[in-house]
Amino acid sequence: MDNSLKECFEKNRLVEFPQAKTFVARELKEAEDDLRSAKESVKTENYKWATIQAYYTMFHCARSLVYKLGYREKNHFCLISALKAFYLDKGLIEHKVIEDIQLGKRMREGADYHADFSKEGAEALIKSAEKFLPVAYTIVNK
């Protein structure tokens, strides 16, 4: 177990969650809804919200994967750490997924807290989210 995941467990930011599996489908539905909203936001030139919504598409995809294993995260960093340990390190997802969600997290923070967003960034993040959603569906349905 790598140090960041170990710290997440030690600080109770990643915990066992017995009922987690019952929330997997809900998380994927949230991901679909956020992706749809992100695309609508781009159409109305609301690039800030498109960026935020595209990131949350990936967030909910990642959360569905962590829930599938019976865990719940309590912050975004630990969600990504769990995704790395439980899926990337086992060869179940590609490194590009991790890179995209990490970039998405930074872009969401930039849009949300610093008014730093663009049409190009929003569109690129939507494309990344569109790629992650079918990966999450494939994994949770195995």
C-alpha atoms as a PDB file:
ATOM      1  CA  MET A   1       0.000   0.000   0.000  1.00  0.00           C
ATOM      2  CA  ASP A   2       1.454   3.348  -0.973  1.00  0.00           C
ATOM      3  CA  ASN A   3       1.853   6.108   1.604  1.00  0.00           C
ATOM      4  CA  SER A   4      -0.935   8.346   0.337  1.00  0.00           C
ATOM      5  CA  LEU A   5      -3.489   5.543   0.492  1.00  0.00           C
ATOM      6  CA  LYS A   6      -2.206   4.471   3.900  1.00  0.00           C
ATOM      7  CA  GLU A   7      -2.620   8.030   5.157  1.00  0.00           C
ATOM      8  CA  CYS A   8      -6.154   8.174   3.760  1.00  0.00           C
ATOM      9  CA  PHE A   9      -7.066   5.069   5.759  1.00  0.00           C
ATOM     10  CA  GLU A  10      -5.265   6.285   8.901  1.00  0.00           C
ATOM     11  CA  LYS A  11      -7.038   9.650   8.830  1.00  0.00           C
ATOM     12  CA  ASN A  12     -10.414   8.035   8.052  1.00  0.00           C
ATOM     13  CA  ARG A  13     -10.619   9.782   4.706  1.00  0.00           C
ATOM     14  CA  LEU A  14     -11.090   6.401   3.073  1.00  0.00           C
ATOM     15  CA  VAL A  15     -13.270   4.012   5.026  1.00  0.00           C
ATOM     16  CA  GLU A  16     -15.056   0.731   4.643  1.00  0.00           C
ATOM     17  CA  PHE A  17     -18.662   1.391   3.743  1.00  0.00           C
ATOM     18  CA  PRO A  18     -20.747  -1.805   3.818  1.00  0.00           C
ATOM     19  CA  GLN A  19     -23.687  -0.355   1.883  1.00  0.00           C
ATOM     20  CA  ALA A  20     -21.434   1.203  -0.777  1.00  0.00           C
ATOM     21  CA  LYS A  21     -22.379  -1.240  -3.512  1.00  0.00           C
ATOM     22  CA  THR A  22     -25.987  -0.069  -3.337  1.00  0.00           C
ATOM     23  CA  PHE A  23     -24.836   3.396  -4.463  1.00  0.00           C
ATOM     24  CA  VAL A  24     -22.842   2.382  -7.555  1.00  0.00           C
ATOM     25  CA  ALA A  25     -25.724   2.814 -10.014  1.00  0.00           C
ATOM     26  CA  ARG A  26     -26.669   6.167  -8.472  1.00  0.00           C
ATOM     27  CA  GLU A  27     -23.113   7.447  -8.941  1.00  0.00           C
ATOM     28  CA  LEU A  28     -23.078   6.424 -12.599  1.00  0.00           C
ATOM     29  CA  LYS A  29     -26.428   8.158 -13.117  1.00  0.00           C
ATOM     30  CA  GLU A  30     -24.962  11.295 -11.507  1.00  0.00           C
ATOM     31  CA  ALA A  31     -21.995  11.023 -13.890  1.00  0.00           C
ATOM     32  CA  GLU A  32     -24.321  10.803 -16.895  1.00  0.00           C
ATOM     33  CA  ASP A  33     -26.370  13.769 -15.674  1.00  0.00           C
ATOM     34  CA  ASP A  34     -23.253  15.867 -15.090  1.00  0.00           C
ATOM     35  CA  LEU A  35     -21.891  15.026 -18.535  1.00  0.00           C
ATOM     36  CA  ARG A  36     -25.169  16.015 -20.146  1.00  0.00           C
ATOM     37  CA  SER A  37     -25.175  19.266 -18.149  1.00  0.00           C
ATOM     38  CA  ALA A  38     -21.560  20.005 -19.104  1.00  0.00           C
ATOM     39  CA  LYS A  39     -22.416  19.691 -22.790  1.00  0.00           C
ATOM     40  CA  GLU A  40     -25.419  21.988 -22.355  1.00  0.00           C
ATOM     41  CA  SER A  41     -23.269  24.508 -20.502  1.00  0.00           C
ATOM     42  CA  VAL A  42     -20.806  24.618 -23.404  1.00  0.00           C
ATOM     43  CA  LYS A  43     -23.689  25.287 -25.792  1.00  0.00           C
ATOM     44  CA  THR A  44     -24.690  28.303 -23.698  1.00  0.00           C
ATOM     45  CA  GLU A  45     -21.037  29.408 -23.392  1.00  0.00           C
ATOM     46  CA  ASN A  46     -21.009  28.819 -19.648  1.00  0.00           C
ATOM     47  CA  TYR A  47     -17.501  27.394 -19.635  1.00  0.00           C
ATOM     48  CA  LYS A  48     -16.973  27.701 -15.907  1.00  0.00           C
ATOM     49  CA  TRP A  49     -19.881  25.362 -15.154  1.00  0.00           C
ATOM     50  CA  ALA A  50     -19.030  23.091 -18.064  1.00  0.00           C
ATOM     51  CA  THR A  51     -15.573  22.622 -16.541  1.00  0.00           C
ATOM     52  CA  ILE A  52     -16.984  21.921 -13.085  1.00  0.00           C
ATOM     53  CA  GLN A  53     -19.642  19.550 -14.417  1.00  0.00           C
ATOM     54  CA  ALA A  54     -17.169  17.656 -16.594  1.00  0.00           C
ATOM     55  CA  TYR A  55     -14.901  17.118 -13.597  1.00  0.00           C
ATOM     56  CA  TYR A  56     -17.829  15.887 -11.531  1.00  0.00           C
ATOM     57  CA  THR A  57     -18.633  13.402 -14.272  1.00  0.00           C
ATOM     58  CA  MET A  58     -15.206  11.894 -13.645  1.00  0.00           C
ATOM     59  CA  PHE A  59     -15.579  12.233  -9.873  1.00  0.00           C
ATOM     60  CA  HIS A  60     -18.805  10.215  -9.891  1.00  0.00           C
ATOM     61  CA  CYS A  61     -17.273   7.607 -12.211  1.00  0.00           C
ATOM     62  CA  ALA A  62     -14.350   7.215  -9.816  1.00  0.00           C
ATOM     63  CA  ARG A  63     -16.651   7.106  -6.828  1.00  0.00           C
ATOM     64  CA  SER A  64     -18.709   4.330  -8.433  1.00  0.00           C
ATOM     65  CA  LEU A  65     -15.525   2.266  -8.763  1.00  0.00           C
ATOM     66  CA  VAL A  66     -14.537   2.829  -5.139  1.00  0.00           C
ATOM     67  CA  TYR A  67     -18.075   2.063  -3.984  1.00  0.00           C
ATOM     68  CA  LYS A  68     -17.978  -1.178  -5.971  1.00  0.00           C
ATOM     69  CA  LEU A  69     -15.166  -2.318  -3.680  1.00  0.00           C
ATOM     70  CA  GLY A  70     -17.021  -1.369  -0.501  1.00  0.00           C
ATOM     71  CA  TYR A  71     -15.206   1.862   0.346  1.00  0.00           C
ATOM     72  CA  ARG A  72     -16.125   5.505   0.620  1.00  0.00           C
ATOM     73  CA  GLU A  73     -13.793   8.466   0.293  1.00  0.00           C
ATOM     74  CA  LYS A  74     -14.088  11.657   2.270  1.00  0.00           C
ATOM     75  CA  ASN A  75     -12.099  13.920  -0.027  1.00  0.00           C
ATOM     76  CA  HIS A  76     -11.084  14.160  -3.664  1.00  0.00           C
ATOM     77  CA  PHE A  77      -7.414  13.380  -3.033  1.00  0.00           C
ATOM     78  CA  CYS A  78      -8.267  10.086  -1.322  1.00  0.00           C
ATOM     79  CA  LEU A  79     -10.697   9.193  -4.090  1.00  0.00           C
ATOM     80  CA  ILE A  80      -7.897   9.512  -6.629  1.00  0.00           C
ATOM     81  CA  SER A  81      -5.466   7.638  -4.349  1.00  0.00           C
ATOM     82  CA  ALA A  82      -7.972   4.780  -4.075  1.00  0.00           C
ATOM     83  CA  LEU A  83      -8.484   4.769  -7.843  1.00  0.00           C
ATOM     84  CA  LYS A  84      -4.726   4.441  -8.328  1.00  0.00           C
ATOM     85  CA  ALA A  85      -4.267   1.676  -5.767  1.00  0.00           C
ATOM     86  CA  PHE A  86      -7.333  -0.401  -6.535  1.00  0.00           C
ATOM     87  CA  TYR A  87      -7.503  -0.030 -10.311  1.00  0.00           C
ATOM     88  CA  LEU A  88      -4.383   1.506 -11.888  1.00  0.00           C
ATOM     89  CA  ASP A  89      -1.872  -0.538  -9.907  1.00  0.00           C
ATOM     90  CA  LYS A  90      -3.790  -3.703 -10.800  1.00  0.00           C
ATOM     91  CA  GLY A  91      -3.878  -2.845 -14.506  1.00  0.00           C
ATOM     92  CA  LEU A  92      -7.650  -2.372 -14.574  1.00  0.00           C
ATOM     93  CA  ILE A  93      -7.542   1.214 -15.836  1.00  0.00           C
ATOM     94  CA  GLU A  94      -5.015   3.123 -17.890  1.00  0.00           C
ATOM     95  CA  HIS A  95      -2.711   5.782 -16.470  1.00  0.00           C
ATOM     96  CA  LYS A  96      -4.411   8.322 -18.758  1.00  0.00           C
ATOM     97  CA  VAL A  97      -7.582   8.018 -16.630  1.00  0.00           C
ATOM     98  CA  ILE A  98      -5.620   9.079 -13.542  1.00  0.00           C
ATOM     99  CA  GLU A  99      -3.919  11.914 -15.408  1.00  0.00           C
ATOM    100  CA  ASP A 100      -7.270  13.136 -16.706  1.00  0.00           C
ATOM    101  CA  ILE A 101      -9.014  13.107 -13.342  1.00  0.00           C
ATOM    102  CA  GLN A 102      -6.049  14.836 -11.671  1.00  0.00           C
ATOM    103  CA  LEU A 103      -6.062  17.508 -14.372  1.00  0.00           C
ATOM    104  CA  GLY A 104      -9.840  17.757 -14.071  1.00  0.00           C
ATOM    105  CA  LYS A 105      -9.557  18.285 -10.322  1.00  0.00           C
ATOM    106  CA  ARG A 106      -7.087  21.136 -10.846  1.00  0.00           C
ATOM    107  CA  MET A 107      -9.235  22.664 -13.588  1.00  0.00           C
ATOM    108  CA  ARG A 108     -12.363  22.428 -11.438  1.00  0.00           C
ATOM    109  CA  GLU A 109     -10.562  24.149  -8.581  1.00  0.00           C
ATOM    110  CA  GLY A 110      -9.301  26.819 -10.965  1.00  0.00           C
ATOM    111  CA  ALA A 111     -12.769  27.434 -12.359  1.00  0.00           C
ATOM    112  CA  ASP A 112     -14.471  27.300  -8.990  1.00  0.00           C
ATOM    113  CA  TYR A 113     -12.025  29.308  -6.876  1.00  0.00           C
ATOM    114  CA  HIS A 114     -10.035  31.467  -9.279  1.00  0.00           C
ATOM    115  CA  ALA A 115     -12.313  32.157 -12.272  1.00  0.00           C
ATOM    116  CA  ASP A 116      -9.742  30.351 -14.421  1.00  0.00           C
ATOM    117  CA  PHE A 117     -11.532  28.515 -17.238  1.00  0.00           C
ATOM    118  CA  SER A 118     -11.864  28.496 -21.016  1.00  0.00           C
ATOM    119  CA  LYS A 119     -13.926  27.052 -23.819  1.00  0.00           C
ATOM    120  CA  GLU A 120     -11.013  24.877 -24.917  1.00  0.00           C
ATOM    121  CA  GLY A 121     -10.413  23.589 -21.403  1.00  0.00           C
ATOM    122  CA  ALA A 122     -14.085  22.785 -20.867  1.00  0.00           C
ATOM    123  CA  GLU A 123     -14.325  20.947 -24.183  1.00  0.00           C
ATOM    124  CA  ALA A 124     -11.160  18.946 -23.496  1.00  0.00           C
ATOM    125  CA  LEU A 125     -12.387  17.981 -20.037  1.00  0.00           C
ATOM    126  CA  ILE A 126     -15.723  16.878 -21.493  1.00  0.00           C
ATOM    127  CA  LYS A 127     -13.863  14.602 -23.918  1.00  0.00           C
ATOM    128  CA  SER A 128     -11.929  13.071 -21.030  1.00  0.00           C
ATOM    129  CA  ALA A 129     -15.156  12.550 -19.089  1.00  0.00           C
ATOM    130  CA  GLU A 130     -16.768  10.938 -22.137  1.00  0.00           C
ATOM    131  CA  LYS A 131     -13.917   8.417 -22.228  1.00  0.00           C
ATOM    132  CA  PHE A 132     -14.056   7.621 -18.506  1.00  0.00           C
ATOM    133  CA  LEU A 133     -17.802   6.915 -18.325  1.00  0.00           C
ATOM    134  CA  PRO A 134     -17.775   3.733 -20.448  1.00  0.00           C
ATOM    135  CA  VAL A 135     -14.661   2.528 -18.604  1.00  0.00           C
ATOM    136  CA  ALA A 136     -16.486   2.889 -15.297  1.00  0.00           C
ATOM    137  CA  TYR A 137     -19.556   1.088 -16.669  1.00  0.00           C
ATOM    138  CA  THR A 138     -17.435  -1.777 -17.948  1.00  0.00           C
ATOM    139  CA  ILE A 139     -15.667  -2.233 -14.619  1.00  0.00           C
ATOM    140  CA  VAL A 140     -18.741  -2.022 -12.405  1.00  0.00           C
ATOM    141  CA  ASN A 141     -20.591  -4.509 -14.593  1.00  0.00           C
ATOM    142  CA  LYS A 142     -17.873  -7.181 -14.357  1.00  0.00           C
END
